Amino acid sequence: KEYHPTDQIKLQQGERHRLIGLDG
């Protein structure tokens, strides 16, 4: 899922996650 400036995500304890750089 794409996230843009001011977008927020809450990750729960134990929730798997990965941050990915896109074009810039």
PDBML (XML) file of the C-alpha atoms, coordinates in Angstrom:
<?xml version="1.0" encoding="UTF-8" ?>
<PDBx:datablock datablockName="MODEL"
   xmlns:PDBx="http://pdbml.pdb.org/schema/pdbx-v50.xsd"
   xmlns:xsi="http://www.w3.org/2001/XMLSchema-instance"
   xsi:schemaLocation="http://pdbml.pdb.org/schema/pdbx-v50.xsd pdbx-v50.xsd">
   <PDBx:atom_siteCategory>
      <PDBx:atom_site id="1">
         <PDBx:B_iso_or_equiv>0.00</PDBx:B_iso_or_equiv>
         <PDBx:Cartn_x>0.000</PDBx:Cartn_x>
         <PDBx:Cartn_y>0.000</PDBx:Cartn_y>
         <PDBx:Cartn_z>0.000</PDBx:Cartn_z>
         <PDBx:auth_asym_id>A</PDBx:auth_asym_id>
         <PDBx:auth_atom_id>CA</PDBx:auth_atom_id>
         <PDBx:auth_comp_id>LYS</PDBx:auth_comp_id>
         <PDBx:auth_seq_id>1</PDBx:auth_seq_id>
         <PDBx:group_PDB>ATOM</PDBx:group_PDB>
         <PDBx:label_alt_id xsi:nil="true" />
         <PDBx:label_asym_id>A</PDBx:label_asym_id>
         <PDBx:label_atom_id>CA</PDBx:label_atom_id>
         <PDBx:label_comp_id>LYS</PDBx:label_comp_id>
         <PDBx:label_entity_id>1</PDBx:label_entity_id>
         <PDBx:label_seq_id>1</PDBx:label_seq_id>
         <PDBx:occupancy>1.00</PDBx:occupancy>
         <PDBx:pdbx_PDB_model_num>1</PDBx:pdbx_PDB_model_num>
         <PDBx:type_symbol>C</PDBx:type_symbol>
      </PDBx:atom_site>
      <PDBx:atom_site id="2">
         <PDBx:B_iso_or_equiv>0.00</PDBx:B_iso_or_equiv>
         <PDBx:Cartn_x>1.262</PDBx:Cartn_x>
         <PDBx:Cartn_y>3.468</PDBx:Cartn_y>
         <PDBx:Cartn_z>-0.834</PDBx:Cartn_z>
         <PDBx:auth_asym_id>A</PDBx:auth_asym_id>
         <PDBx:auth_atom_id>CA</PDBx:auth_atom_id>
         <PDBx:auth_comp_id>GLU</PDBx:auth_comp_id>
         <PDBx:auth_seq_id>2</PDBx:auth_seq_id>
         <PDBx:group_PDB>ATOM</PDBx:group_PDB>
         <PDBx:label_alt_id xsi:nil="true" />
         <PDBx:label_asym_id>A</PDBx:label_asym_id>
         <PDBx:label_atom_id>CA</PDBx:label_atom_id>
         <PDBx:label_comp_id>GLU</PDBx:label_comp_id>
         <PDBx:label_entity_id>1</PDBx:label_entity_id>
         <PDBx:label_seq_id>2</PDBx:label_seq_id>
         <PDBx:occupancy>1.00</PDBx:occupancy>
         <PDBx:pdbx_PDB_model_num>1</PDBx:pdbx_PDB_model_num>
         <PDBx:type_symbol>C</PDBx:type_symbol>
      </PDBx:atom_site>
      <PDBx:atom_site id="3">
         <PDBx:B_iso_or_equiv>0.00</PDBx:B_iso_or_equiv>
         <PDBx:Cartn_x>1.477</PDBx:Cartn_x>
         <PDBx:Cartn_y>6.113</PDBx:Cartn_y>
         <PDBx:Cartn_z>1.872</PDBx:Cartn_z>
         <PDBx:auth_asym_id>A</PDBx:auth_asym_id>
         <PDBx:auth_atom_id>CA</PDBx:auth_atom_id>
         <PDBx:auth_comp_id>TYR</PDBx:auth_comp_id>
         <PDBx:auth_seq_id>3</PDBx:auth_seq_id>
         <PDBx:group_PDB>ATOM</PDBx:group_PDB>
         <PDBx:label_alt_id xsi:nil="true" />
         <PDBx:label_asym_id>A</PDBx:label_asym_id>
         <PDBx:label_atom_id>CA</PDBx:label_atom_id>
         <PDBx:label_comp_id>TYR</PDBx:label_comp_id>
         <PDBx:label_entity_id>1</PDBx:label_entity_id>
         <PDBx:label_seq_id>3</PDBx:label_seq_id>
         <PDBx:occupancy>1.00</PDBx:occupancy>
         <PDBx:pdbx_PDB_model_num>1</PDBx:pdbx_PDB_model_num>
         <PDBx:type_symbol>C</PDBx:type_symbol>
      </PDBx:atom_site>
      <PDBx:atom_site id="4">
         <PDBx:B_iso_or_equiv>0.00</PDBx:B_iso_or_equiv>
         <PDBx:Cartn_x>1.885</PDBx:Cartn_x>
         <PDBx:Cartn_y>9.844</PDBx:Cartn_y>
         <PDBx:Cartn_z>1.209</PDBx:Cartn_z>
         <PDBx:auth_asym_id>A</PDBx:auth_asym_id>
         <PDBx:auth_atom_id>CA</PDBx:auth_atom_id>
         <PDBx:auth_comp_id>HIS</PDBx:auth_comp_id>
         <PDBx:auth_seq_id>4</PDBx:auth_seq_id>
         <PDBx:group_PDB>ATOM</PDBx:group_PDB>
         <PDBx:label_alt_id xsi:nil="true" />
         <PDBx:label_asym_id>A</PDBx:label_asym_id>
         <PDBx:label_atom_id>CA</PDBx:label_atom_id>
         <PDBx:label_comp_id>HIS</PDBx:label_comp_id>
         <PDBx:label_entity_id>1</PDBx:label_entity_id>
         <PDBx:label_seq_id>4</PDBx:label_seq_id>
         <PDBx:occupancy>1.00</PDBx:occupancy>
         <PDBx:pdbx_PDB_model_num>1</PDBx:pdbx_PDB_model_num>
         <PDBx:type_symbol>C</PDBx:type_symbol>
      </PDBx:atom_site>
      <PDBx:atom_site id="5">
         <PDBx:B_iso_or_equiv>0.00</PDBx:B_iso_or_equiv>
         <PDBx:Cartn_x>2.935</PDBx:Cartn_x>
         <PDBx:Cartn_y>12.799</PDBx:Cartn_y>
         <PDBx:Cartn_z>3.397</PDBx:Cartn_z>
         <PDBx:auth_asym_id>A</PDBx:auth_asym_id>
         <PDBx:auth_atom_id>CA</PDBx:auth_atom_id>
         <PDBx:auth_comp_id>PRO</PDBx:auth_comp_id>
         <PDBx:auth_seq_id>5</PDBx:auth_seq_id>
         <PDBx:group_PDB>ATOM</PDBx:group_PDB>
         <PDBx:label_alt_id xsi:nil="true" />
         <PDBx:label_asym_id>A</PDBx:label_asym_id>
         <PDBx:label_atom_id>CA</PDBx:label_atom_id>
         <PDBx:label_comp_id>PRO</PDBx:label_comp_id>
         <PDBx:label_entity_id>1</PDBx:label_entity_id>
         <PDBx:label_seq_id>5</PDBx:label_seq_id>
         <PDBx:occupancy>1.00</PDBx:occupancy>
         <PDBx:pdbx_PDB_model_num>1</PDBx:pdbx_PDB_model_num>
         <PDBx:type_symbol>C</PDBx:type_symbol>
      </PDBx:atom_site>
      <PDBx:atom_site id="6">
         <PDBx:B_iso_or_equiv>0.00</PDBx:B_iso_or_equiv>
         <PDBx:Cartn_x>0.710</PDBx:Cartn_x>
         <PDBx:Cartn_y>13.098</PDBx:Cartn_y>
         <PDBx:Cartn_z>6.512</PDBx:Cartn_z>
         <PDBx:auth_asym_id>A</PDBx:auth_asym_id>
         <PDBx:auth_atom_id>CA</PDBx:auth_atom_id>
         <PDBx:auth_comp_id>THR</PDBx:auth_comp_id>
         <PDBx:auth_seq_id>6</PDBx:auth_seq_id>
         <PDBx:group_PDB>ATOM</PDBx:group_PDB>
         <PDBx:label_alt_id xsi:nil="true" />
         <PDBx:label_asym_id>A</PDBx:label_asym_id>
         <PDBx:label_atom_id>CA</PDBx:label_atom_id>
         <PDBx:label_comp_id>THR</PDBx:label_comp_id>
         <PDBx:label_entity_id>1</PDBx:label_entity_id>
         <PDBx:label_seq_id>6</PDBx:label_seq_id>
         <PDBx:occupancy>1.00</PDBx:occupancy>
         <PDBx:pdbx_PDB_model_num>1</PDBx:pdbx_PDB_model_num>
         <PDBx:type_symbol>C</PDBx:type_symbol>
      </PDBx:atom_site>
      <PDBx:atom_site id="7">
         <PDBx:B_iso_or_equiv>0.00</PDBx:B_iso_or_equiv>
         <PDBx:Cartn_x>-0.522</PDBx:Cartn_x>
         <PDBx:Cartn_y>9.486</PDBx:Cartn_y>
         <PDBx:Cartn_z>6.097</PDBx:Cartn_z>
         <PDBx:auth_asym_id>A</PDBx:auth_asym_id>
         <PDBx:auth_atom_id>CA</PDBx:auth_atom_id>
         <PDBx:auth_comp_id>ASP</PDBx:auth_comp_id>
         <PDBx:auth_seq_id>7</PDBx:auth_seq_id>
         <PDBx:group_PDB>ATOM</PDBx:group_PDB>
         <PDBx:label_alt_id xsi:nil="true" />
         <PDBx:label_asym_id>A</PDBx:label_asym_id>
         <PDBx:label_atom_id>CA</PDBx:label_atom_id>
         <PDBx:label_comp_id>ASP</PDBx:label_comp_id>
         <PDBx:label_entity_id>1</PDBx:label_entity_id>
         <PDBx:label_seq_id>7</PDBx:label_seq_id>
         <PDBx:occupancy>1.00</PDBx:occupancy>
         <PDBx:pdbx_PDB_model_num>1</PDBx:pdbx_PDB_model_num>
         <PDBx:type_symbol>C</PDBx:type_symbol>
      </PDBx:atom_site>
      <PDBx:atom_site id="8">
         <PDBx:B_iso_or_equiv>0.00</PDBx:B_iso_or_equiv>
         <PDBx:Cartn_x>-0.222</PDBx:Cartn_x>
         <PDBx:Cartn_y>7.541</PDBx:Cartn_y>
         <PDBx:Cartn_z>9.347</PDBx:Cartn_z>
         <PDBx:auth_asym_id>A</PDBx:auth_asym_id>
         <PDBx:auth_atom_id>CA</PDBx:auth_atom_id>
         <PDBx:auth_comp_id>GLN</PDBx:auth_comp_id>
         <PDBx:auth_seq_id>8</PDBx:auth_seq_id>
         <PDBx:group_PDB>ATOM</PDBx:group_PDB>
         <PDBx:label_alt_id xsi:nil="true" />
         <PDBx:label_asym_id>A</PDBx:label_asym_id>
         <PDBx:label_atom_id>CA</PDBx:label_atom_id>
         <PDBx:label_comp_id>GLN</PDBx:label_comp_id>
         <PDBx:label_entity_id>1</PDBx:label_entity_id>
         <PDBx:label_seq_id>8</PDBx:label_seq_id>
         <PDBx:occupancy>1.00</PDBx:occupancy>
         <PDBx:pdbx_PDB_model_num>1</PDBx:pdbx_PDB_model_num>
         <PDBx:type_symbol>C</PDBx:type_symbol>
      </PDBx:atom_site>
      <PDBx:atom_site id="9">
         <PDBx:B_iso_or_equiv>0.00</PDBx:B_iso_or_equiv>
         <PDBx:Cartn_x>-0.166</PDBx:Cartn_x>
         <PDBx:Cartn_y>3.843</PDBx:Cartn_y>
         <PDBx:Cartn_z>10.172</PDBx:Cartn_z>
         <PDBx:auth_asym_id>A</PDBx:auth_asym_id>
         <PDBx:auth_atom_id>CA</PDBx:auth_atom_id>
         <PDBx:auth_comp_id>ILE</PDBx:auth_comp_id>
         <PDBx:auth_seq_id>9</PDBx:auth_seq_id>
         <PDBx:group_PDB>ATOM</PDBx:group_PDB>
         <PDBx:label_alt_id xsi:nil="true" />
         <PDBx:label_asym_id>A</PDBx:label_asym_id>
         <PDBx:label_atom_id>CA</PDBx:label_atom_id>
         <PDBx:label_comp_id>ILE</PDBx:label_comp_id>
         <PDBx:label_entity_id>1</PDBx:label_entity_id>
         <PDBx:label_seq_id>9</PDBx:label_seq_id>
         <PDBx:occupancy>1.00</PDBx:occupancy>
         <PDBx:pdbx_PDB_model_num>1</PDBx:pdbx_PDB_model_num>
         <PDBx:type_symbol>C</PDBx:type_symbol>
      </PDBx:atom_site>
      <PDBx:atom_site id="10">
         <PDBx:B_iso_or_equiv>0.00</PDBx:B_iso_or_equiv>
         <PDBx:Cartn_x>-0.349</PDBx:Cartn_x>
         <PDBx:Cartn_y>2.155</PDBx:Cartn_y>
         <PDBx:Cartn_z>13.573</PDBx:Cartn_z>
         <PDBx:auth_asym_id>A</PDBx:auth_asym_id>
         <PDBx:auth_atom_id>CA</PDBx:auth_atom_id>
         <PDBx:auth_comp_id>LYS</PDBx:auth_comp_id>
         <PDBx:auth_seq_id>10</PDBx:auth_seq_id>
         <PDBx:group_PDB>ATOM</PDBx:group_PDB>
         <PDBx:label_alt_id xsi:nil="true" />
         <PDBx:label_asym_id>A</PDBx:label_asym_id>
         <PDBx:label_atom_id>CA</PDBx:label_atom_id>
         <PDBx:label_comp_id>LYS</PDBx:label_comp_id>
         <PDBx:label_entity_id>1</PDBx:label_entity_id>
         <PDBx:label_seq_id>10</PDBx:label_seq_id>
         <PDBx:occupancy>1.00</PDBx:occupancy>
         <PDBx:pdbx_PDB_model_num>1</PDBx:pdbx_PDB_model_num>
         <PDBx:type_symbol>C</PDBx:type_symbol>
      </PDBx:atom_site>
      <PDBx:atom_site id="11">
         <PDBx:B_iso_or_equiv>0.00</PDBx:B_iso_or_equiv>
         <PDBx:Cartn_x>1.461</PDBx:Cartn_x>
         <PDBx:Cartn_y>-1.174</PDBx:Cartn_y>
         <PDBx:Cartn_z>13.803</PDBx:Cartn_z>
         <PDBx:auth_asym_id>A</PDBx:auth_asym_id>
         <PDBx:auth_atom_id>CA</PDBx:auth_atom_id>
         <PDBx:auth_comp_id>LEU</PDBx:auth_comp_id>
         <PDBx:auth_seq_id>11</PDBx:auth_seq_id>
         <PDBx:group_PDB>ATOM</PDBx:group_PDB>
         <PDBx:label_alt_id xsi:nil="true" />
         <PDBx:label_asym_id>A</PDBx:label_asym_id>
         <PDBx:label_atom_id>CA</PDBx:label_atom_id>
         <PDBx:label_comp_id>LEU</PDBx:label_comp_id>
         <PDBx:label_entity_id>1</PDBx:label_entity_id>
         <PDBx:label_seq_id>11</PDBx:label_seq_id>
         <PDBx:occupancy>1.00</PDBx:occupancy>
         <PDBx:pdbx_PDB_model_num>1</PDBx:pdbx_PDB_model_num>
         <PDBx:type_symbol>C</PDBx:type_symbol>
      </PDBx:atom_site>
      <PDBx:atom_site id="12">
         <PDBx:B_iso_or_equiv>0.00</PDBx:B_iso_or_equiv>
         <PDBx:Cartn_x>0.437</PDBx:Cartn_x>
         <PDBx:Cartn_y>-3.502</PDBx:Cartn_y>
         <PDBx:Cartn_z>16.623</PDBx:Cartn_z>
         <PDBx:auth_asym_id>A</PDBx:auth_asym_id>
         <PDBx:auth_atom_id>CA</PDBx:auth_atom_id>
         <PDBx:auth_comp_id>GLN</PDBx:auth_comp_id>
         <PDBx:auth_seq_id>12</PDBx:auth_seq_id>
         <PDBx:group_PDB>ATOM</PDBx:group_PDB>
         <PDBx:label_alt_id xsi:nil="true" />
         <PDBx:label_asym_id>A</PDBx:label_asym_id>
         <PDBx:label_atom_id>CA</PDBx:label_atom_id>
         <PDBx:label_comp_id>GLN</PDBx:label_comp_id>
         <PDBx:label_entity_id>1</PDBx:label_entity_id>
         <PDBx:label_seq_id>12</PDBx:label_seq_id>
         <PDBx:occupancy>1.00</PDBx:occupancy>
         <PDBx:pdbx_PDB_model_num>1</PDBx:pdbx_PDB_model_num>
         <PDBx:type_symbol>C</PDBx:type_symbol>
      </PDBx:atom_site>
      <PDBx:atom_site id="13">
         <PDBx:B_iso_or_equiv>0.00</PDBx:B_iso_or_equiv>
         <PDBx:Cartn_x>2.857</PDBx:Cartn_x>
         <PDBx:Cartn_y>-5.514</PDBx:Cartn_y>
         <PDBx:Cartn_z>18.743</PDBx:Cartn_z>
         <PDBx:auth_asym_id>A</PDBx:auth_asym_id>
         <PDBx:auth_atom_id>CA</PDBx:auth_atom_id>
         <PDBx:auth_comp_id>GLN</PDBx:auth_comp_id>
         <PDBx:auth_seq_id>13</PDBx:auth_seq_id>
         <PDBx:group_PDB>ATOM</PDBx:group_PDB>
         <PDBx:label_alt_id xsi:nil="true" />
         <PDBx:label_asym_id>A</PDBx:label_asym_id>
         <PDBx:label_atom_id>CA</PDBx:label_atom_id>
         <PDBx:label_comp_id>GLN</PDBx:label_comp_id>
         <PDBx:label_entity_id>1</PDBx:label_entity_id>
         <PDBx:label_seq_id>13</PDBx:label_seq_id>
         <PDBx:occupancy>1.00</PDBx:occupancy>
         <PDBx:pdbx_PDB_model_num>1</PDBx:pdbx_PDB_model_num>
         <PDBx:type_symbol>C</PDBx:type_symbol>
      </PDBx:atom_site>
      <PDBx:atom_site id="14">
         <PDBx:B_iso_or_equiv>0.00</PDBx:B_iso_or_equiv>
         <PDBx:Cartn_x>3.633</PDBx:Cartn_x>
         <PDBx:Cartn_y>-8.681</PDBx:Cartn_y>
         <PDBx:Cartn_z>16.767</PDBx:Cartn_z>
         <PDBx:auth_asym_id>A</PDBx:auth_asym_id>
         <PDBx:auth_atom_id>CA</PDBx:auth_atom_id>
         <PDBx:auth_comp_id>GLY</PDBx:auth_comp_id>
         <PDBx:auth_seq_id>14</PDBx:auth_seq_id>
         <PDBx:group_PDB>ATOM</PDBx:group_PDB>
         <PDBx:label_alt_id xsi:nil="true" />
         <PDBx:label_asym_id>A</PDBx:label_asym_id>
         <PDBx:label_atom_id>CA</PDBx:label_atom_id>
         <PDBx:label_comp_id>GLY</PDBx:label_comp_id>
         <PDBx:label_entity_id>1</PDBx:label_entity_id>
         <PDBx:label_seq_id>14</PDBx:label_seq_id>
         <PDBx:occupancy>1.00</PDBx:occupancy>
         <PDBx:pdbx_PDB_model_num>1</PDBx:pdbx_PDB_model_num>
         <PDBx:type_symbol>C</PDBx:type_symbol>
      </PDBx:atom_site>
      <PDBx:atom_site id="15">
         <PDBx:B_iso_or_equiv>0.00</PDBx:B_iso_or_equiv>
         <PDBx:Cartn_x>2.201</PDBx:Cartn_x>
         <PDBx:Cartn_y>-7.342</PDBx:Cartn_y>
         <PDBx:Cartn_z>13.486</PDBx:Cartn_z>
         <PDBx:auth_asym_id>A</PDBx:auth_asym_id>
         <PDBx:auth_atom_id>CA</PDBx:auth_atom_id>
         <PDBx:auth_comp_id>GLU</PDBx:auth_comp_id>
         <PDBx:auth_seq_id>15</PDBx:auth_seq_id>
         <PDBx:group_PDB>ATOM</PDBx:group_PDB>
         <PDBx:label_alt_id xsi:nil="true" />
         <PDBx:label_asym_id>A</PDBx:label_asym_id>
         <PDBx:label_atom_id>CA</PDBx:label_atom_id>
         <PDBx:label_comp_id>GLU</PDBx:label_comp_id>
         <PDBx:label_entity_id>1</PDBx:label_entity_id>
         <PDBx:label_seq_id>15</PDBx:label_seq_id>
         <PDBx:occupancy>1.00</PDBx:occupancy>
         <PDBx:pdbx_PDB_model_num>1</PDBx:pdbx_PDB_model_num>
         <PDBx:type_symbol>C</PDBx:type_symbol>
      </PDBx:atom_site>
      <PDBx:atom_site id="16">
         <PDBx:B_iso_or_equiv>0.00</PDBx:B_iso_or_equiv>
         <PDBx:Cartn_x>4.536</PDBx:Cartn_x>
         <PDBx:Cartn_y>-8.105</PDBx:Cartn_y>
         <PDBx:Cartn_z>10.587</PDBx:Cartn_z>
         <PDBx:auth_asym_id>A</PDBx:auth_asym_id>
         <PDBx:auth_atom_id>CA</PDBx:auth_atom_id>
         <PDBx:auth_comp_id>ARG</PDBx:auth_comp_id>
         <PDBx:auth_seq_id>16</PDBx:auth_seq_id>
         <PDBx:group_PDB>ATOM</PDBx:group_PDB>
         <PDBx:label_alt_id xsi:nil="true" />
         <PDBx:label_asym_id>A</PDBx:label_asym_id>
         <PDBx:label_atom_id>CA</PDBx:label_atom_id>
         <PDBx:label_comp_id>ARG</PDBx:label_comp_id>
         <PDBx:label_entity_id>1</PDBx:label_entity_id>
         <PDBx:label_seq_id>16</PDBx:label_seq_id>
         <PDBx:occupancy>1.00</PDBx:occupancy>
         <PDBx:pdbx_PDB_model_num>1</PDBx:pdbx_PDB_model_num>
         <PDBx:type_symbol>C</PDBx:type_symbol>
      </PDBx:atom_site>
      <PDBx:atom_site id="17">
         <PDBx:B_iso_or_equiv>0.00</PDBx:B_iso_or_equiv>
         <PDBx:Cartn_x>5.591</PDBx:Cartn_x>
         <PDBx:Cartn_y>-5.028</PDBx:Cartn_y>
         <PDBx:Cartn_z>8.614</PDBx:Cartn_z>
         <PDBx:auth_asym_id>A</PDBx:auth_asym_id>
         <PDBx:auth_atom_id>CA</PDBx:auth_atom_id>
         <PDBx:auth_comp_id>HIS</PDBx:auth_comp_id>
         <PDBx:auth_seq_id>17</PDBx:auth_seq_id>
         <PDBx:group_PDB>ATOM</PDBx:group_PDB>
         <PDBx:label_alt_id xsi:nil="true" />
         <PDBx:label_asym_id>A</PDBx:label_asym_id>
         <PDBx:label_atom_id>CA</PDBx:label_atom_id>
         <PDBx:label_comp_id>HIS</PDBx:label_comp_id>
         <PDBx:label_entity_id>1</PDBx:label_entity_id>
         <PDBx:label_seq_id>17</PDBx:label_seq_id>
         <PDBx:occupancy>1.00</PDBx:occupancy>
         <PDBx:pdbx_PDB_model_num>1</PDBx:pdbx_PDB_model_num>
         <PDBx:type_symbol>C</PDBx:type_symbol>
      </PDBx:atom_site>
      <PDBx:atom_site id="18">
         <PDBx:B_iso_or_equiv>0.00</PDBx:B_iso_or_equiv>
         <PDBx:Cartn_x>7.976</PDBx:Cartn_x>
         <PDBx:Cartn_y>-3.767</PDBx:Cartn_y>
         <PDBx:Cartn_z>5.971</PDBx:Cartn_z>
         <PDBx:auth_asym_id>A</PDBx:auth_asym_id>
         <PDBx:auth_atom_id>CA</PDBx:auth_atom_id>
         <PDBx:auth_comp_id>ARG</PDBx:auth_comp_id>
         <PDBx:auth_seq_id>18</PDBx:auth_seq_id>
         <PDBx:group_PDB>ATOM</PDBx:group_PDB>
         <PDBx:label_alt_id xsi:nil="true" />
         <PDBx:label_asym_id>A</PDBx:label_asym_id>
         <PDBx:label_atom_id>CA</PDBx:label_atom_id>
         <PDBx:label_comp_id>ARG</PDBx:label_comp_id>
         <PDBx:label_entity_id>1</PDBx:label_entity_id>
         <PDBx:label_seq_id>18</PDBx:label_seq_id>
         <PDBx:occupancy>1.00</PDBx:occupancy>
         <PDBx:pdbx_PDB_model_num>1</PDBx:pdbx_PDB_model_num>
         <PDBx:type_symbol>C</PDBx:type_symbol>
      </PDBx:atom_site>
      <PDBx:atom_site id="19">
         <PDBx:B_iso_or_equiv>0.00</PDBx:B_iso_or_equiv>
         <PDBx:Cartn_x>8.783</PDBx:Cartn_x>
         <PDBx:Cartn_y>-0.203</PDBx:Cartn_y>
         <PDBx:Cartn_z>4.900</PDBx:Cartn_z>
         <PDBx:auth_asym_id>A</PDBx:auth_asym_id>
         <PDBx:auth_atom_id>CA</PDBx:auth_atom_id>
         <PDBx:auth_comp_id>LEU</PDBx:auth_comp_id>
         <PDBx:auth_seq_id>19</PDBx:auth_seq_id>
         <PDBx:group_PDB>ATOM</PDBx:group_PDB>
         <PDBx:label_alt_id xsi:nil="true" />
         <PDBx:label_asym_id>A</PDBx:label_asym_id>
         <PDBx:label_atom_id>CA</PDBx:label_atom_id>
         <PDBx:label_comp_id>LEU</PDBx:label_comp_id>
         <PDBx:label_entity_id>1</PDBx:label_entity_id>
         <PDBx:label_seq_id>19</PDBx:label_seq_id>
         <PDBx:occupancy>1.00</PDBx:occupancy>
         <PDBx:pdbx_PDB_model_num>1</PDBx:pdbx_PDB_model_num>
         <PDBx:type_symbol>C</PDBx:type_symbol>
      </PDBx:atom_site>
      <PDBx:atom_site id="20">
         <PDBx:B_iso_or_equiv>0.00</PDBx:B_iso_or_equiv>
         <PDBx:Cartn_x>9.711</PDBx:Cartn_x>
         <PDBx:Cartn_y>0.144</PDBx:Cartn_y>
         <PDBx:Cartn_z>1.233</PDBx:Cartn_z>
         <PDBx:auth_asym_id>A</PDBx:auth_asym_id>
         <PDBx:auth_atom_id>CA</PDBx:auth_atom_id>
         <PDBx:auth_comp_id>ILE</PDBx:auth_comp_id>
         <PDBx:auth_seq_id>20</PDBx:auth_seq_id>
         <PDBx:group_PDB>ATOM</PDBx:group_PDB>
         <PDBx:label_alt_id xsi:nil="true" />
         <PDBx:label_asym_id>A</PDBx:label_asym_id>
         <PDBx:label_atom_id>CA</PDBx:label_atom_id>
         <PDBx:label_comp_id>ILE</PDBx:label_comp_id>
         <PDBx:label_entity_id>1</PDBx:label_entity_id>
         <PDBx:label_seq_id>20</PDBx:label_seq_id>
         <PDBx:occupancy>1.00</PDBx:occupancy>
         <PDBx:pdbx_PDB_model_num>1</PDBx:pdbx_PDB_model_num>
         <PDBx:type_symbol>C</PDBx:type_symbol>
      </PDBx:atom_site>
      <PDBx:atom_site id="21">
         <PDBx:B_iso_or_equiv>0.00</PDBx:B_iso_or_equiv>
         <PDBx:Cartn_x>11.288</PDBx:Cartn_x>
         <PDBx:Cartn_y>3.008</PDBx:Cartn_y>
         <PDBx:Cartn_z>-0.684</PDBx:Cartn_z>
         <PDBx:auth_asym_id>A</PDBx:auth_asym_id>
         <PDBx:auth_atom_id>CA</PDBx:auth_atom_id>
         <PDBx:auth_comp_id>GLY</PDBx:auth_comp_id>
         <PDBx:auth_seq_id>21</PDBx:auth_seq_id>
         <PDBx:group_PDB>ATOM</PDBx:group_PDB>
         <PDBx:label_alt_id xsi:nil="true" />
         <PDBx:label_asym_id>A</PDBx:label_asym_id>
         <PDBx:label_atom_id>CA</PDBx:label_atom_id>
         <PDBx:label_comp_id>GLY</PDBx:label_comp_id>
         <PDBx:label_entity_id>1</PDBx:label_entity_id>
         <PDBx:label_seq_id>21</PDBx:label_seq_id>
         <PDBx:occupancy>1.00</PDBx:occupancy>
         <PDBx:pdbx_PDB_model_num>1</PDBx:pdbx_PDB_model_num>
         <PDBx:type_symbol>C</PDBx:type_symbol>
      </PDBx:atom_site>
      <PDBx:atom_site id="22">
         <PDBx:B_iso_or_equiv>0.00</PDBx:B_iso_or_equiv>
         <PDBx:Cartn_x>9.551</PDBx:Cartn_x>
         <PDBx:Cartn_y>3.656</PDBx:Cartn_y>
         <PDBx:Cartn_z>-3.987</PDBx:Cartn_z>
         <PDBx:auth_asym_id>A</PDBx:auth_asym_id>
         <PDBx:auth_atom_id>CA</PDBx:auth_atom_id>
         <PDBx:auth_comp_id>LEU</PDBx:auth_comp_id>
         <PDBx:auth_seq_id>22</PDBx:auth_seq_id>
         <PDBx:group_PDB>ATOM</PDBx:group_PDB>
         <PDBx:label_alt_id xsi:nil="true" />
         <PDBx:label_asym_id>A</PDBx:label_asym_id>
         <PDBx:label_atom_id>CA</PDBx:label_atom_id>
         <PDBx:label_comp_id>LEU</PDBx:label_comp_id>
         <PDBx:label_entity_id>1</PDBx:label_entity_id>
         <PDBx:label_seq_id>22</PDBx:label_seq_id>
         <PDBx:occupancy>1.00</PDBx:occupancy>
         <PDBx:pdbx_PDB_model_num>1</PDBx:pdbx_PDB_model_num>
         <PDBx:type_symbol>C</PDBx:type_symbol>
      </PDBx:atom_site>
      <PDBx:atom_site id="23">
         <PDBx:B_iso_or_equiv>0.00</PDBx:B_iso_or_equiv>
         <PDBx:Cartn_x>10.670</PDBx:Cartn_x>
         <PDBx:Cartn_y>6.159</PDBx:Cartn_y>
         <PDBx:Cartn_z>-6.649</PDBx:Cartn_z>
         <PDBx:auth_asym_id>A</PDBx:auth_asym_id>
         <PDBx:auth_atom_id>CA</PDBx:auth_atom_id>
         <PDBx:auth_comp_id>ASP</PDBx:auth_comp_id>
         <PDBx:auth_seq_id>23</PDBx:auth_seq_id>
         <PDBx:group_PDB>ATOM</PDBx:group_PDB>
         <PDBx:label_alt_id xsi:nil="true" />
         <PDBx:label_asym_id>A</PDBx:label_asym_id>
         <PDBx:label_atom_id>CA</PDBx:label_atom_id>
         <PDBx:label_comp_id>ASP</PDBx:label_comp_id>
         <PDBx:label_entity_id>1</PDBx:label_entity_id>
         <PDBx:label_seq_id>23</PDBx:label_seq_id>
         <PDBx:occupancy>1.00</PDBx:occupancy>
         <PDBx:pdbx_PDB_model_num>1</PDBx:pdbx_PDB_model_num>
         <PDBx:type_symbol>C</PDBx:type_symbol>
      </PDBx:atom_site>
      <PDBx:atom_site id="24">
         <PDBx:B_iso_or_equiv>0.00</PDBx:B_iso_or_equiv>
         <PDBx:Cartn_x>12.413</PDBx:Cartn_x>
         <PDBx:Cartn_y>8.668</PDBx:Cartn_y>
         <PDBx:Cartn_z>-4.365</PDBx:Cartn_z>
         <PDBx:auth_asym_id>A</PDBx:auth_asym_id>
         <PDBx:auth_atom_id>CA</PDBx:auth_atom_id>
         <PDBx:auth_comp_id>GLY</PDBx:auth_comp_id>
         <PDBx:auth_seq_id>24</PDBx:auth_seq_id>
         <PDBx:group_PDB>ATOM</PDBx:group_PDB>
         <PDBx:label_alt_id xsi:nil="true" />
         <PDBx:label_asym_id>A</PDBx:label_asym_id>
         <PDBx:label_atom_id>CA</PDBx:label_atom_id>
         <PDBx:label_comp_id>GLY</PDBx:label_comp_id>
         <PDBx:label_entity_id>1</PDBx:label_entity_id>
         <PDBx:label_seq_id>24</PDBx:label_seq_id>
         <PDBx:occupancy>1.00</PDBx:occupancy>
         <PDBx:pdbx_PDB_model_num>1</PDBx:pdbx_PDB_model_num>
         <PDBx:type_symbol>C</PDBx:type_symbol>
      </PDBx:atom_site>
   </PDBx:atom_siteCategory>
</PDBx:datablock>
